[in-house]
Amino acid sequence: MNTSFKKRVVIIEDDVEIRNSYELIVNSSPKFFVLNTYDNCEDAIKQIHNDKPDIVLMDVELSGMSGIAGTKIIKDKIPHAEIIIISVYDNSEMVFEALRSGASGYITKSSNYIELLAALDEITKGGAPMSTKIARLVIDTFHINPNSPLSKRETQILQLISEGKTYTQISEELFISKDTAKSHIRNIYSKLQVNNKSEALAKATSDKLI
C-alpha cells in the first residue's frame, strides 16, 4: 500500500480498545494512515523524531505524563505537528489549558467515527476542529463580563452550579475537595452579595458572569 501521499498520524491513548478503534477509523480513510500508537507520552516523545507525525491524536489522562504536558513537548520538538486532543473532559479550564499548550483541536470521546475523520480533515485544511459543546464553551468564555468580580475558578464553579451539579460532582470534575468547593461557593456568595444559589444564578445571568 502506497502511503507516501497520506498524512501520518500517531495515536497516544492508554485504553487499548479505544486506541485500536481510532487506528481502525483513521486507516479506513484514503487520506490518513496510523504510523504508530502509544499508551503513554514518554514512549511517543522518544520516537517523535523517527515518526515525524503530521497529526497526533492525544488523550489527556494518561499514566505518567499528562496529554497536555505531552502536547507542549511534542510541539516544541515537532512544531509542524498538529495535535488534536480527544478527551472525556469538556470543562473550559481543561480545554484552554490544552489549547495554550499547543493543541489545534479538541474533541470529546463521545465523537463518532465520522466526526473524528472530519476533525482530521479540518485540521489539514488549517482549521481548528472542536466538538459542538467545546466550541460553545470557547464562545461563551468570550461573552463573559470582563469586569466580573469572580476569579476564573469561581466562575467555573458558578457555571457548574448553573448546570445543577452538586458539591460532590463539582469537586470531582475540578479535582478539588468538597470543602474547597464549599469555600469557593461561600466566596462567590460574598462577592455577589447574595445568600443562596438561586440569587447567585440570577445575579450571574443579569451581570453576564457565566
N, C-alpha and C. Protein backbone atom coordinates (compact mmCIF):
# COMPACT_ATOMS: atom_id res chain seq x y z
N MET A 1 0.85 -1.20 0.00
CA MET A 1 0.00 0.00 0.00
C MET A 1 0.88 1.25 0.00
N ASN A 2 0.66 2.14 -0.95
CA ASN A 2 1.43 3.38 -1.03
C ASN A 2 0.85 4.41 -0.05
N THR A 3 1.65 4.78 0.94
CA THR A 3 1.17 5.75 1.94
C THR A 3 1.88 7.10 1.82
N SER A 4 2.68 7.28 0.76
CA SER A 4 3.50 8.48 0.65
C SER A 4 2.67 9.76 0.57
N PHE A 5 1.45 9.66 0.04
CA PHE A 5 0.62 10.86 -0.11
C PHE A 5 -0.33 11.06 1.07
N LYS A 6 -0.31 10.11 2.01
CA LYS A 6 -1.23 10.20 3.15
C LYS A 6 -0.60 10.94 4.31
N LYS A 7 -1.45 11.57 5.12
CA LYS A 7 -0.98 12.25 6.31
C LYS A 7 -0.64 11.21 7.40
N ARG A 8 0.49 11.43 8.05
CA ARG A 8 0.98 10.49 9.06
C ARG A 8 0.36 10.81 10.42
N VAL A 9 -0.26 9.82 11.04
CA VAL A 9 -0.97 10.02 12.30
C VAL A 9 -0.35 9.14 13.39
N VAL A 10 -0.12 9.74 14.56
CA VAL A 10 0.30 9.00 15.75
C VAL A 10 -0.83 9.09 16.77
N ILE A 11 -1.15 7.99 17.41
CA ILE A 11 -2.21 7.95 18.42
C ILE A 11 -1.58 7.69 19.79
N ILE A 12 -1.93 8.54 20.76
CA ILE A 12 -1.47 8.34 22.14
C ILE A 12 -2.71 8.20 23.02
N GLU A 13 -2.98 6.98 23.43
CA GLU A 13 -4.21 6.64 24.16
C GLU A 13 -3.95 5.39 24.96
N ASP A 14 -4.25 5.42 26.27
CA ASP A 14 -3.89 4.27 27.11
C ASP A 14 -4.94 3.16 27.16
N ASP A 15 -6.14 3.43 26.68
CA ASP A 15 -7.17 2.38 26.64
C ASP A 15 -7.02 1.62 25.32
N VAL A 16 -6.65 0.35 25.43
CA VAL A 16 -6.30 -0.42 24.23
C VAL A 16 -7.47 -0.52 23.25
N GLU A 17 -8.69 -0.68 23.74
CA GLU A 17 -9.83 -0.80 22.84
C GLU A 17 -10.09 0.50 22.09
N ILE A 18 -10.01 1.61 22.82
CA ILE A 18 -10.20 2.92 22.17
C ILE A 18 -9.08 3.16 21.18
N ARG A 19 -7.87 2.85 21.59
CA ARG A 19 -6.70 3.05 20.70
C ARG A 19 -6.87 2.25 19.41
N ASN A 20 -7.28 1.01 19.55
CA ASN A 20 -7.46 0.16 18.35
C ASN A 20 -8.59 0.67 17.47
N SER A 21 -9.65 1.18 18.10
CA SER A 21 -10.78 1.68 17.30
C SER A 21 -10.38 2.95 16.54
N TYR A 22 -9.58 3.82 17.20
CA TYR A 22 -9.09 5.02 16.50
C TYR A 22 -8.22 4.62 15.30
N GLU A 23 -7.37 3.63 15.53
CA GLU A 23 -6.47 3.18 14.46
C GLU A 23 -7.27 2.66 13.27
N LEU A 24 -8.31 1.90 13.58
CA LEU A 24 -9.16 1.34 12.52
C LEU A 24 -9.85 2.46 11.74
N ILE A 25 -10.38 3.44 12.48
CA ILE A 25 -11.09 4.56 11.85
C ILE A 25 -10.14 5.36 10.96
N VAL A 26 -8.98 5.71 11.50
CA VAL A 26 -8.02 6.53 10.73
C VAL A 26 -7.57 5.79 9.47
N ASN A 27 -7.26 4.51 9.62
CA ASN A 27 -6.77 3.74 8.47
C ASN A 27 -7.87 3.43 7.44
N SER A 28 -9.12 3.67 7.82
CA SER A 28 -10.22 3.47 6.86
C SER A 28 -10.31 4.62 5.86
N SER A 29 -9.60 5.70 6.14
CA SER A 29 -9.65 6.88 5.27
C SER A 29 -8.54 6.80 4.22
N PRO A 30 -8.82 7.26 3.00
CA PRO A 30 -7.78 7.28 1.97
C PRO A 30 -6.77 8.41 2.17
N LYS A 31 -7.04 9.30 3.15
CA LYS A 31 -6.18 10.49 3.31
C LYS A 31 -5.18 10.36 4.46
N PHE A 32 -5.38 9.38 5.34
CA PHE A 32 -4.55 9.29 6.55
C PHE A 32 -4.12 7.85 6.80
N PHE A 33 -3.00 7.69 7.50
CA PHE A 33 -2.65 6.35 7.98
C PHE A 33 -1.96 6.47 9.32
N VAL A 34 -2.17 5.46 10.17
CA VAL A 34 -1.58 5.45 11.50
C VAL A 34 -0.17 4.90 11.40
N LEU A 35 0.76 5.75 11.78
CA LEU A 35 2.17 5.39 11.74
C LEU A 35 2.56 4.56 12.96
N ASN A 36 2.10 5.02 14.13
CA ASN A 36 2.40 4.33 15.38
C ASN A 36 1.33 4.66 16.42
N THR A 37 1.17 3.77 17.38
CA THR A 37 0.29 4.05 18.52
C THR A 37 1.09 3.84 19.80
N TYR A 38 0.72 4.61 20.84
CA TYR A 38 1.41 4.54 22.12
C TYR A 38 0.39 4.62 23.24
N ASP A 39 0.73 4.01 24.38
CA ASP A 39 -0.17 4.11 25.53
C ASP A 39 0.31 5.13 26.56
N ASN A 40 1.40 5.84 26.23
CA ASN A 40 1.88 6.90 27.12
C ASN A 40 2.68 7.92 26.31
N CYS A 41 2.81 9.13 26.87
CA CYS A 41 3.52 10.21 26.18
C CYS A 41 5.02 9.97 26.13
N GLU A 42 5.57 9.41 27.22
CA GLU A 42 7.01 9.25 27.30
C GLU A 42 7.57 8.45 26.12
N ASP A 43 6.92 7.31 25.80
CA ASP A 43 7.40 6.48 24.68
C ASP A 43 7.20 7.19 23.35
N ALA A 44 6.08 7.89 23.22
CA ALA A 44 5.81 8.62 21.98
C ALA A 44 6.85 9.71 21.74
N ILE A 45 7.21 10.41 22.81
CA ILE A 45 8.18 11.51 22.68
C ILE A 45 9.56 10.97 22.29
N LYS A 46 9.93 9.80 22.83
CA LYS A 46 11.22 9.20 22.48
C LYS A 46 11.31 8.92 20.98
N GLN A 47 10.17 8.59 20.37
CA GLN A 47 10.16 8.20 18.96
C GLN A 47 9.70 9.33 18.03
N ILE A 48 9.46 10.51 18.59
CA ILE A 48 8.78 11.55 17.81
C ILE A 48 9.59 11.99 16.59
N HIS A 49 10.93 12.00 16.70
CA HIS A 49 11.74 12.43 15.55
C HIS A 49 11.82 11.33 14.49
N ASN A 50 11.64 10.08 14.88
CA ASN A 50 11.56 8.99 13.90
C ASN A 50 10.20 8.98 13.22
N ASP A 51 9.15 9.19 14.03
CA ASP A 51 7.78 9.14 13.49
C ASP A 51 7.48 10.36 12.60
N LYS A 52 7.93 11.54 13.04
CA LYS A 52 7.63 12.79 12.34
C LYS A 52 6.14 12.87 11.92
N PRO A 53 5.23 12.78 12.88
CA PRO A 53 3.80 12.77 12.52
C PRO A 53 3.32 14.13 11.99
N ASP A 54 2.34 14.07 11.11
CA ASP A 54 1.64 15.29 10.69
C ASP A 54 0.58 15.64 11.73
N ILE A 55 -0.04 14.60 12.29
CA ILE A 55 -1.14 14.78 13.25
C ILE A 55 -0.95 13.81 14.41
N VAL A 56 -1.22 14.30 15.62
CA VAL A 56 -1.21 13.44 16.81
C VAL A 56 -2.60 13.48 17.44
N LEU A 57 -3.18 12.32 17.66
CA LEU A 57 -4.43 12.21 18.43
C LEU A 57 -4.02 11.91 19.86
N MET A 58 -4.35 12.82 20.76
CA MET A 58 -3.81 12.78 22.12
C MET A 58 -4.90 12.67 23.19
N ASP A 59 -4.81 11.63 24.02
CA ASP A 59 -5.66 11.55 25.20
C ASP A 59 -5.09 12.50 26.27
N VAL A 60 -5.92 12.92 27.23
CA VAL A 60 -5.45 13.83 28.29
C VAL A 60 -4.96 13.05 29.50
N GLU A 61 -5.79 12.17 29.99
CA GLU A 61 -5.47 11.47 31.24
C GLU A 61 -4.73 10.17 30.93
N LEU A 62 -3.41 10.23 31.07
CA LEU A 62 -2.56 9.08 30.78
C LEU A 62 -1.76 8.73 32.03
N SER A 63 -1.27 7.50 32.10
CA SER A 63 -0.38 7.16 33.20
C SER A 63 0.94 7.88 32.94
N GLY A 64 1.55 8.41 34.00
CA GLY A 64 2.77 9.19 33.81
C GLY A 64 2.43 10.60 33.36
N MET A 65 3.12 11.06 32.34
CA MET A 65 2.92 12.42 31.85
C MET A 65 1.52 12.61 31.29
N SER A 66 0.91 13.76 31.59
CA SER A 66 -0.42 14.05 31.06
C SER A 66 -0.35 14.39 29.58
N GLY A 67 -1.48 14.25 28.91
CA GLY A 67 -1.53 14.57 27.49
C GLY A 67 -1.26 16.04 27.22
N ILE A 68 -1.63 16.90 28.16
CA ILE A 68 -1.41 18.34 27.97
C ILE A 68 0.09 18.65 28.07
N ALA A 69 0.78 18.06 29.05
CA ALA A 69 2.23 18.24 29.15
C ALA A 69 2.92 17.66 27.91
N GLY A 70 2.42 16.50 27.47
CA GLY A 70 2.98 15.86 26.27
C GLY A 70 2.79 16.70 25.03
N THR A 71 1.65 17.36 24.94
CA THR A 71 1.37 18.22 23.79
C THR A 71 2.42 19.32 23.67
N LYS A 72 2.72 19.95 24.79
CA LYS A 72 3.71 21.05 24.78
C LYS A 72 5.08 20.56 24.32
N ILE A 73 5.50 19.41 24.81
CA ILE A 73 6.82 18.87 24.44
C ILE A 73 6.85 18.50 22.97
N ILE A 74 5.81 17.84 22.49
CA ILE A 74 5.77 17.44 21.08
C ILE A 74 5.78 18.66 20.17
N LYS A 75 5.03 19.70 20.53
CA LYS A 75 5.02 20.92 19.72
C LYS A 75 6.40 21.59 19.71
N ASP A 76 7.11 21.52 20.83
CA ASP A 76 8.46 22.07 20.89
C ASP A 76 9.41 21.30 19.97
N LYS A 77 9.24 19.98 19.94
CA LYS A 77 10.14 19.13 19.16
C LYS A 77 9.77 19.07 17.68
N ILE A 78 8.47 19.01 17.40
CA ILE A 78 7.98 18.93 16.01
C ILE A 78 6.93 20.03 15.82
N PRO A 79 7.34 21.26 15.60
CA PRO A 79 6.38 22.39 15.56
C PRO A 79 5.27 22.23 14.52
N HIS A 80 5.57 21.53 13.41
CA HIS A 80 4.55 21.43 12.35
C HIS A 80 3.45 20.42 12.70
N ALA A 81 3.69 19.57 13.70
CA ALA A 81 2.70 18.55 14.05
C ALA A 81 1.43 19.20 14.60
N GLU A 82 0.30 18.78 14.08
CA GLU A 82 -0.99 19.26 14.57
C GLU A 82 -1.51 18.26 15.61
N ILE A 83 -1.90 18.77 16.76
CA ILE A 83 -2.34 17.87 17.83
C ILE A 83 -3.82 18.09 18.13
N ILE A 84 -4.56 17.01 18.06
CA ILE A 84 -5.99 17.04 18.40
C ILE A 84 -6.16 16.29 19.72
N ILE A 85 -6.66 16.99 20.72
CA ILE A 85 -6.97 16.36 22.00
C ILE A 85 -8.30 15.61 21.87
N ILE A 86 -8.31 14.38 22.34
CA ILE A 86 -9.56 13.62 22.41
C ILE A 86 -9.74 13.21 23.87
N SER A 87 -10.73 13.79 24.52
CA SER A 87 -10.83 13.63 25.97
C SER A 87 -12.27 13.44 26.43
N VAL A 88 -12.42 12.83 27.60
CA VAL A 88 -13.75 12.76 28.22
C VAL A 88 -14.07 14.09 28.89
N TYR A 89 -13.03 14.91 29.13
CA TYR A 89 -13.23 16.17 29.85
C TYR A 89 -13.70 17.26 28.90
N ASP A 90 -14.74 17.98 29.32
CA ASP A 90 -15.24 19.07 28.47
C ASP A 90 -15.44 20.34 29.28
N ASN A 91 -14.61 20.52 30.34
CA ASN A 91 -14.71 21.78 31.09
C ASN A 91 -13.75 22.81 30.50
N SER A 92 -14.09 24.08 30.68
CA SER A 92 -13.36 25.15 30.00
C SER A 92 -11.90 25.22 30.40
N GLU A 93 -11.60 24.96 31.67
CA GLU A 93 -10.20 25.06 32.11
C GLU A 93 -9.33 24.05 31.38
N MET A 94 -9.82 22.83 31.25
CA MET A 94 -9.06 21.78 30.56
C MET A 94 -8.88 22.14 29.09
N VAL A 95 -9.94 22.64 28.46
CA VAL A 95 -9.89 23.00 27.05
C VAL A 95 -8.84 24.08 26.81
N PHE A 96 -8.89 25.16 27.59
CA PHE A 96 -7.96 26.27 27.37
C PHE A 96 -6.53 25.89 27.73
N GLU A 97 -6.37 25.02 28.72
CA GLU A 97 -5.02 24.56 29.06
C GLU A 97 -4.43 23.78 27.89
N ALA A 98 -5.25 22.95 27.26
CA ALA A 98 -4.79 22.17 26.11
C ALA A 98 -4.44 23.08 24.93
N LEU A 99 -5.28 24.06 24.67
CA LEU A 99 -5.04 24.97 23.55
C LEU A 99 -3.79 25.82 23.80
N ARG A 100 -3.61 26.26 25.05
CA ARG A 100 -2.42 27.04 25.39
C ARG A 100 -1.14 26.19 25.23
N SER A 101 -1.26 24.89 25.41
CA SER A 101 -0.10 24.00 25.30
C SER A 101 0.26 23.71 23.86
N GLY A 102 -0.60 24.10 22.94
CA GLY A 102 -0.27 23.92 21.52
C GLY A 102 -1.22 23.05 20.73
N ALA A 103 -2.27 22.53 21.38
CA ALA A 103 -3.25 21.73 20.63
C ALA A 103 -3.98 22.60 19.63
N SER A 104 -4.29 22.03 18.47
CA SER A 104 -5.01 22.77 17.42
C SER A 104 -6.48 22.38 17.36
N GLY A 105 -6.86 21.36 18.12
CA GLY A 105 -8.25 20.93 18.13
C GLY A 105 -8.56 20.19 19.41
N TYR A 106 -9.85 20.07 19.71
CA TYR A 106 -10.26 19.41 20.96
C TYR A 106 -11.63 18.80 20.73
N ILE A 107 -11.70 17.49 20.72
CA ILE A 107 -12.99 16.82 20.56
C ILE A 107 -13.19 15.84 21.71
N THR A 108 -14.42 15.53 21.98
CA THR A 108 -14.72 14.64 23.10
C THR A 108 -14.76 13.18 22.63
N LYS A 109 -14.59 12.28 23.59
CA LYS A 109 -14.56 10.86 23.25
C LYS A 109 -15.93 10.33 22.84
N SER A 110 -16.95 11.15 23.03
CA SER A 110 -18.28 10.73 22.57
C SER A 110 -18.43 10.95 21.06
N SER A 111 -17.42 11.59 20.44
CA SER A 111 -17.48 11.82 18.99
C SER A 111 -17.50 10.49 18.24
N ASN A 112 -18.29 10.41 17.18
CA ASN A 112 -18.34 9.17 16.40
C ASN A 112 -17.26 9.17 15.32
N TYR A 113 -17.18 8.10 14.55
CA TYR A 113 -16.08 7.96 13.59
C TYR A 113 -16.15 9.02 12.49
N ILE A 114 -17.35 9.45 12.13
CA ILE A 114 -17.49 10.49 11.11
C ILE A 114 -16.92 11.81 11.63
N GLU A 115 -17.21 12.12 12.89
CA GLU A 115 -16.71 13.36 13.50
C GLU A 115 -15.18 13.31 13.65
N LEU A 116 -14.65 12.14 13.95
CA LEU A 116 -13.20 12.01 14.09
C LEU A 116 -12.51 12.24 12.74
N LEU A 117 -13.02 11.62 11.69
CA LEU A 117 -12.43 11.81 10.36
C LEU A 117 -12.61 13.26 9.88
N ALA A 118 -13.76 13.85 10.23
CA ALA A 118 -13.99 15.26 9.86
C ALA A 118 -12.99 16.17 10.56
N ALA A 119 -12.66 15.84 11.81
CA ALA A 119 -11.67 16.63 12.57
C ALA A 119 -10.30 16.53 11.91
N LEU A 120 -9.91 15.33 11.51
CA LEU A 120 -8.63 15.15 10.82
C LEU A 120 -8.61 15.94 9.52
N ASP A 121 -9.70 15.87 8.78
CA ASP A 121 -9.80 16.58 7.51
C ASP A 121 -9.70 18.09 7.72
N GLU A 122 -10.42 18.56 8.74
CA GLU A 122 -10.45 20.01 9.01
C GLU A 122 -9.08 20.53 9.40
N ILE A 123 -8.36 19.77 10.20
CA ILE A 123 -7.06 20.25 10.68
C ILE A 123 -6.03 20.32 9.55
N THR A 124 -6.17 19.46 8.54
CA THR A 124 -5.25 19.51 7.39
C THR A 124 -5.53 20.72 6.51
N LYS A 125 -6.72 21.30 6.67
CA LYS A 125 -7.09 22.50 5.89
C LYS A 125 -6.86 23.78 6.67
N GLY A 126 -6.16 23.66 7.82
CA GLY A 126 -5.86 24.84 8.61
C GLY A 126 -6.92 25.20 9.62
N GLY A 127 -7.90 24.33 9.79
CA GLY A 127 -8.97 24.59 10.75
C GLY A 127 -8.59 24.19 12.16
N ALA A 128 -9.53 24.43 13.09
CA ALA A 128 -9.33 24.06 14.49
C ALA A 128 -10.56 23.26 14.93
N PRO A 129 -10.56 21.96 14.66
CA PRO A 129 -11.75 21.15 14.94
C PRO A 129 -12.10 21.07 16.41
N MET A 130 -13.37 21.29 16.70
CA MET A 130 -13.85 21.18 18.08
C MET A 130 -15.25 20.58 18.08
N SER A 131 -15.50 19.73 19.08
CA SER A 131 -16.87 19.24 19.25
C SER A 131 -17.78 20.42 19.51
N THR A 132 -19.06 20.26 19.20
CA THR A 132 -20.02 21.35 19.35
C THR A 132 -20.01 21.94 20.75
N LYS A 133 -20.00 21.06 21.77
CA LYS A 133 -20.02 21.55 23.15
C LYS A 133 -18.75 22.32 23.49
N ILE A 134 -17.61 21.86 22.96
CA ILE A 134 -16.34 22.54 23.23
C ILE A 134 -16.35 23.92 22.57
N ALA A 135 -16.81 23.99 21.33
CA ALA A 135 -16.87 25.27 20.63
C ALA A 135 -17.77 26.25 21.38
N ARG A 136 -18.87 25.74 21.92
CA ARG A 136 -19.79 26.59 22.70
C ARG A 136 -19.10 27.13 23.95
N LEU A 137 -18.30 26.27 24.61
CA LEU A 137 -17.55 26.69 25.79
C LEU A 137 -16.61 27.84 25.46
N VAL A 138 -15.91 27.69 24.33
CA VAL A 138 -14.95 28.72 23.92
C VAL A 138 -15.67 30.03 23.64
N ILE A 139 -16.78 29.96 22.92
CA ILE A 139 -17.55 31.16 22.59
C ILE A 139 -18.10 31.82 23.85
N ASP A 140 -18.65 30.99 24.73
CA ASP A 140 -19.24 31.53 25.97
C ASP A 140 -18.21 32.27 26.80
N THR A 141 -16.97 31.79 26.77
CA THR A 141 -15.92 32.43 27.55
C THR A 141 -15.71 33.87 27.10
N PHE A 142 -15.84 34.11 25.79
CA PHE A 142 -15.66 35.47 25.27
C PHE A 142 -16.86 36.36 25.57
N HIS A 143 -17.96 35.73 25.94
CA HIS A 143 -19.17 36.51 26.25
C HIS A 143 -19.23 36.91 27.72
N ILE A 144 -18.33 36.35 28.53
CA ILE A 144 -18.37 36.64 29.97
C ILE A 144 -17.95 38.08 30.23
N ASN A 145 -18.63 38.70 31.17
CA ASN A 145 -18.32 40.07 31.57
C ASN A 145 -16.85 40.19 32.00
N PRO A 146 -16.05 41.02 31.29
CA PRO A 146 -14.63 41.13 31.64
C PRO A 146 -14.40 41.79 33.00
N ASN A 147 -15.41 42.47 33.52
CA ASN A 147 -15.29 43.15 34.82
C ASN A 147 -15.88 42.32 35.97
N SER A 148 -16.02 41.02 35.73
CA SER A 148 -16.57 40.14 36.77
C SER A 148 -15.72 40.20 38.04
N PRO A 149 -16.36 40.23 39.21
CA PRO A 149 -15.60 40.22 40.46
C PRO A 149 -15.08 38.83 40.82
N LEU A 150 -15.52 37.83 40.05
CA LEU A 150 -15.16 36.45 40.38
C LEU A 150 -13.85 36.04 39.72
N SER A 151 -13.13 35.16 40.40
CA SER A 151 -11.91 34.59 39.83
C SER A 151 -12.31 33.57 38.76
N LYS A 152 -11.32 33.11 37.99
CA LYS A 152 -11.58 32.11 36.96
C LYS A 152 -12.18 30.85 37.57
N ARG A 153 -11.61 30.40 38.70
CA ARG A 153 -12.11 29.19 39.36
C ARG A 153 -13.52 29.40 39.87
N GLU A 154 -13.82 30.56 40.45
CA GLU A 154 -15.16 30.84 40.96
C GLU A 154 -16.18 30.88 39.82
N THR A 155 -15.75 31.43 38.69
CA THR A 155 -16.63 31.46 37.51
C THR A 155 -16.94 30.05 37.05
N GLN A 156 -15.92 29.20 37.04
CA GLN A 156 -16.10 27.79 36.68
C GLN A 156 -17.13 27.12 37.59
N ILE A 157 -16.95 27.34 38.88
CA ILE A 157 -17.83 26.70 39.86
C ILE A 157 -19.26 27.21 39.72
N LEU A 158 -19.40 28.50 39.49
CA LEU A 158 -20.74 29.06 39.30
C LEU A 158 -21.39 28.46 38.04
N GLN A 159 -20.60 28.26 37.01
CA GLN A 159 -21.10 27.63 35.79
C GLN A 159 -21.60 26.21 36.08
N LEU A 160 -20.83 25.47 36.87
CA LEU A 160 -21.23 24.10 37.22
C LEU A 160 -22.48 24.09 38.09
N ILE A 161 -22.59 25.08 38.99
CA ILE A 161 -23.81 25.20 39.81
C ILE A 161 -25.01 25.43 38.91
N SER A 162 -24.81 26.27 37.89
CA SER A 162 -25.92 26.58 36.96
C SER A 162 -26.36 25.35 36.18
N GLU A 163 -25.44 24.38 36.05
CA GLU A 163 -25.76 23.13 35.35
C GLU A 163 -26.37 22.09 36.29
N GLY A 164 -26.58 22.52 37.56
CA GLY A 164 -27.22 21.63 38.52
C GLY A 164 -26.28 20.65 39.20
N LYS A 165 -24.97 20.90 39.11
CA LYS A 165 -24.00 19.99 39.73
C LYS A 165 -24.01 20.15 41.25
N THR A 166 -23.80 19.04 41.94
CA THR A 166 -23.73 19.03 43.40
C THR A 166 -22.30 19.35 43.85
N TYR A 167 -22.12 19.58 45.17
CA TYR A 167 -20.78 19.79 45.71
C TYR A 167 -19.85 18.64 45.30
N THR A 168 -20.37 17.43 45.44
CA THR A 168 -19.56 16.25 45.13
C THR A 168 -19.16 16.23 43.65
N GLN A 169 -20.12 16.50 42.78
CA GLN A 169 -19.83 16.50 41.34
C GLN A 169 -18.84 17.60 40.97
N ILE A 170 -19.01 18.77 41.59
CA ILE A 170 -18.09 19.89 41.33
C ILE A 170 -16.68 19.52 41.77
N SER A 171 -16.56 18.95 42.95
CA SER A 171 -15.22 18.60 43.47
C SER A 171 -14.57 17.54 42.59
N GLU A 172 -15.36 16.57 42.10
CA GLU A 172 -14.81 15.52 41.25
C GLU A 172 -14.38 16.07 39.89
N GLU A 173 -15.21 16.93 39.33
CA GLU A 173 -14.92 17.47 37.99
C GLU A 173 -13.70 18.39 37.99
N LEU A 174 -13.52 19.13 39.08
CA LEU A 174 -12.42 20.09 39.14
C LEU A 174 -11.22 19.58 39.95
N PHE A 175 -11.30 18.33 40.40
CA PHE A 175 -10.22 17.71 41.17
C PHE A 175 -9.88 18.52 42.43
N ILE A 176 -10.92 18.94 43.13
CA ILE A 176 -10.73 19.66 44.40
C ILE A 176 -11.56 18.95 45.47
N SER A 177 -11.27 19.24 46.73
CA SER A 177 -12.05 18.62 47.81
C SER A 177 -13.42 19.28 47.92
N LYS A 178 -14.34 18.58 48.59
CA LYS A 178 -15.68 19.16 48.81
C LYS A 178 -15.59 20.42 49.65
N ASP A 179 -14.71 20.41 50.63
CA ASP A 179 -14.54 21.59 51.49
C ASP A 179 -14.04 22.79 50.69
N THR A 180 -13.12 22.53 49.75
CA THR A 180 -12.62 23.62 48.90
C THR A 180 -13.74 24.16 48.02
N ALA A 181 -14.56 23.26 47.48
CA ALA A 181 -15.70 23.69 46.65
C ALA A 181 -16.65 24.57 47.47
N LYS A 182 -16.93 24.13 48.70
CA LYS A 182 -17.84 24.90 49.57
C LYS A 182 -17.24 26.27 49.89
N SER A 183 -15.93 26.30 50.11
CA SER A 183 -15.25 27.57 50.41
C SER A 183 -15.36 28.53 49.23
N HIS A 184 -15.16 28.01 48.02
CA HIS A 184 -15.31 28.83 46.81
C HIS A 184 -16.74 29.38 46.70
N ILE A 185 -17.71 28.53 46.99
CA ILE A 185 -19.11 28.95 46.87
C ILE A 185 -19.44 30.04 47.89
N ARG A 186 -18.90 29.90 49.10
CA ARG A 186 -19.09 30.97 50.10
C ARG A 186 -18.50 32.29 49.60
N ASN A 187 -17.33 32.21 48.99
CA ASN A 187 -16.69 33.41 48.44
C ASN A 187 -17.52 34.02 47.32
N ILE A 188 -18.10 33.16 46.49
CA ILE A 188 -18.96 33.63 45.39
C ILE A 188 -20.14 34.40 45.96
N TYR A 189 -20.82 33.81 46.96
CA TYR A 189 -21.98 34.47 47.57
C TYR A 189 -21.58 35.81 48.16
N SER A 190 -20.42 35.84 48.80
CA SER A 190 -19.95 37.08 49.43
C SER A 190 -19.67 38.16 48.39
N LYS A 191 -18.96 37.79 47.33
CA LYS A 191 -18.61 38.76 46.29
C LYS A 191 -19.84 39.29 45.56
N LEU A 192 -20.82 38.40 45.37
CA LEU A 192 -22.03 38.80 44.64
C LEU A 192 -23.08 39.40 45.58
N GLN A 193 -22.80 39.36 46.87
CA GLN A 193 -23.72 39.88 47.89
C GLN A 193 -25.09 39.21 47.80
N VAL A 194 -25.04 37.88 47.76
CA VAL A 194 -26.26 37.08 47.71
C VAL A 194 -26.21 36.05 48.84
N ASN A 195 -27.34 35.40 49.08
CA ASN A 195 -27.44 34.47 50.22
C ASN A 195 -27.67 33.02 49.84
N ASN A 196 -28.00 32.77 48.58
CA ASN A 196 -28.28 31.39 48.19
C ASN A 196 -28.03 31.19 46.70
N LYS A 197 -28.19 29.93 46.28
CA LYS A 197 -27.88 29.55 44.90
C LYS A 197 -28.74 30.28 43.88
N SER A 198 -30.05 30.36 44.13
CA SER A 198 -30.94 30.98 43.15
C SER A 198 -30.62 32.46 42.97
N GLU A 199 -30.28 33.14 44.08
CA GLU A 199 -29.90 34.56 43.98
C GLU A 199 -28.58 34.70 43.21
N ALA A 200 -27.64 33.79 43.48
CA ALA A 200 -26.35 33.83 42.79
C ALA A 200 -26.52 33.63 41.29
N LEU A 201 -27.37 32.69 40.90
CA LEU A 201 -27.57 32.42 39.47
C LEU A 201 -28.31 33.56 38.80
N ALA A 202 -29.26 34.18 39.51
CA ALA A 202 -29.98 35.33 38.96
C ALA A 202 -28.99 36.48 38.70
N LYS A 203 -28.12 36.71 39.68
CA LYS A 203 -27.10 37.77 39.55
C LYS A 203 -26.13 37.45 38.41
N ALA A 204 -25.73 36.19 38.33
CA ALA A 204 -24.80 35.76 37.29
C ALA A 204 -25.39 35.96 35.90
N THR A 205 -26.67 35.68 35.75
CA THR A 205 -27.34 35.86 34.46
C THR A 205 -27.48 37.32 34.10
N SER A 206 -27.93 38.13 35.05
CA SER A 206 -28.15 39.55 34.76
C SER A 206 -26.85 40.30 34.49
N ASP A 207 -25.75 39.89 35.17
CA ASP A 207 -24.47 40.59 35.00
C ASP A 207 -23.53 39.88 34.01
N LYS A 208 -24.05 38.83 33.35
CA LYS A 208 -23.27 38.05 32.38
C LYS A 208 -21.94 37.56 32.96
N LEU A 209 -22.05 36.93 34.13
CA LEU A 209 -20.86 36.42 34.81
C LEU A 209 -20.52 35.01 34.37
N ILE A 210 -21.49 34.31 33.76
CA ILE A 210 -21.25 32.97 33.23
C ILE A 210 -21.90 32.88 31.85
